[in-house]
Each structure stands twice: as C-alpha cells, then as structure tokens.
Amino acid sequence: MPIYEYRCESCGFQKEHLQKMSDAPLATCPSCGKESYTKLLSAAGFQLKGSGWYATDFKGGSSKPAASSDSAPAAGCGGSCACHPS
C-alpha cells in the first residue's frame, strides 16, 4: 500500500498516511478539523509486507556471482532491447 503525505493549508499540520490506491484522498485535517488537508507531491513510498523476495532473498552473505557481459542475451528479448546496446 502506498504511503501518501498530506499537509493542512490552514494550520500547517503534516503527516504521512497509509492508504489503498483506490481510497479517496483525505480532506479533513486531523489536527484542526478544517477541510484544507491536501495531498503533497513527493517521492513514491510503499510498505512491503508478508513473505516475499525482499524478506527471504539477499539476507545472507552468500550471493550468486554476476553474469559476465560476454553472455548471450536473455531469452525473452533477443538482444534487441534497450538493455543490450549495439
């Protein structure tokens, strides 16, 4: 779920809120109660939960060796994509 940053235009109160992307933007300031609470434009923030690659992979000291640049292109792109400059 994304984390959105809001600021009240009336009192200056600022806070981050964890919301679903489908949730309507907040309008009422939790500090002063006025309808001047606006979403700020900031870097995208999100919170990872559950068991996934971020929680289980790359946690130890062992890692796979990096592929050499002489290797063949990935099977899906055929070598004609932006990741394989000519």
Protein backbone atom coordinates (compact mmCIF):
# COMPACT_ATOMS: atom_id res chain seq x y z
CA MET A 1 0.00 0.00 0.00
CA PRO A 2 1.32 3.45 -0.85
CA ILE A 3 2.19 5.99 1.80
CA TYR A 4 0.86 9.46 0.99
CA GLU A 5 2.00 12.71 2.57
CA TYR A 6 -0.60 15.36 3.46
CA ARG A 7 -0.38 18.94 4.73
CA CYS A 8 -3.09 21.23 6.09
CA GLU A 9 -3.16 24.61 4.35
CA SER A 10 -4.79 26.19 7.43
CA CYS A 11 -2.65 25.07 10.37
CA GLY A 12 0.41 23.57 8.65
CA PHE A 13 -0.06 20.10 10.18
CA GLN A 14 1.76 17.48 8.09
CA LYS A 15 1.55 13.68 8.27
CA GLU A 16 2.01 10.52 6.22
CA HIS A 17 -0.98 8.19 5.74
CA LEU A 18 -1.00 4.58 4.58
CA GLN A 19 -3.86 4.27 2.06
CA LYS A 20 -5.05 1.99 -0.68
CA MET A 21 -4.67 3.42 -4.18
CA SER A 22 -8.44 3.14 -4.57
CA ASP A 23 -9.14 5.19 -1.40
CA ALA A 24 -10.42 8.74 -1.84
CA PRO A 25 -7.95 11.48 -0.86
CA LEU A 26 -8.29 12.77 2.69
CA ALA A 27 -9.77 16.28 3.03
CA THR A 28 -10.30 16.89 6.75
CA CYS A 29 -7.25 17.85 8.83
CA PRO A 30 -6.91 15.57 11.87
CA SER A 31 -5.37 18.45 13.84
CA CYS A 32 -7.69 21.42 13.26
CA GLY A 33 -10.69 19.73 11.58
CA LYS A 34 -10.79 22.09 8.58
CA GLU A 35 -11.34 20.85 5.03
CA SER A 36 -7.94 22.08 3.83
CA TYR A 37 -5.92 18.86 4.08
CA THR A 38 -4.17 18.31 0.73
CA LYS A 39 -2.01 15.52 -0.64
CA LEU A 40 1.58 16.57 -1.32
CA LEU A 41 3.56 15.58 -4.37
CA SER A 42 6.50 13.57 -3.07
CA ALA A 43 8.61 10.56 -3.93
CA ALA A 44 6.64 7.36 -4.18
CA GLY A 45 6.54 5.47 -0.92
CA PHE A 46 5.27 2.00 -0.23
CA GLN A 47 5.44 -0.58 2.50
CA LEU A 48 6.32 -4.20 1.78
CA LYS A 49 4.56 -6.79 3.93
CA GLY A 50 4.43 -10.55 4.04
CA SER A 51 6.99 -13.10 2.94
CA GLY A 52 8.48 -12.31 -0.41
CA TRP A 53 11.82 -11.92 -2.13
CA TYR A 54 12.69 -8.85 -0.09
CA ALA A 55 12.31 -10.74 3.18
CA THR A 56 13.94 -14.01 2.18
CA ASP A 57 16.48 -13.28 -0.58
CA PHE A 58 19.75 -11.43 -0.27
CA LYS A 59 19.70 -11.54 3.54
CA GLY A 60 22.80 -13.68 3.98
CA GLY A 61 26.39 -13.10 2.99
CA SER A 62 26.15 -15.51 0.08
CA SER A 63 25.21 -14.26 -3.33
CA LYS A 64 25.28 -15.61 -6.85
CA PRO A 65 28.15 -14.39 -8.99
CA ALA A 66 27.21 -11.75 -11.54
CA ALA A 67 26.78 -12.89 -15.12
CA SER A 68 29.60 -11.87 -17.42
CA SER A 69 28.94 -9.27 -20.10
CA ASP A 70 30.02 -11.81 -22.75
CA SER A 71 26.99 -13.99 -22.08
CA ALA A 72 24.18 -14.43 -24.57
CA PRO A 73 21.17 -12.08 -24.36
CA ALA A 74 18.22 -13.04 -22.19
CA ALA A 75 15.83 -15.46 -23.88
CA GLY A 76 12.87 -13.07 -23.83
CA CYS A 77 14.38 -10.00 -25.51
CA GLY A 78 16.61 -11.50 -28.20
CA GLY A 79 19.24 -8.82 -27.63
CA SER A 80 17.38 -6.02 -29.46
CA CYS A 81 16.12 -4.16 -26.39
CA ALA A 82 17.50 -1.12 -24.54
CA CYS A 83 19.33 -3.32 -22.05
CA HIS A 84 21.55 -4.71 -24.83
CA PRO A 85 23.11 -1.72 -26.62
CA SER A 86 24.54 -2.45 -30.02
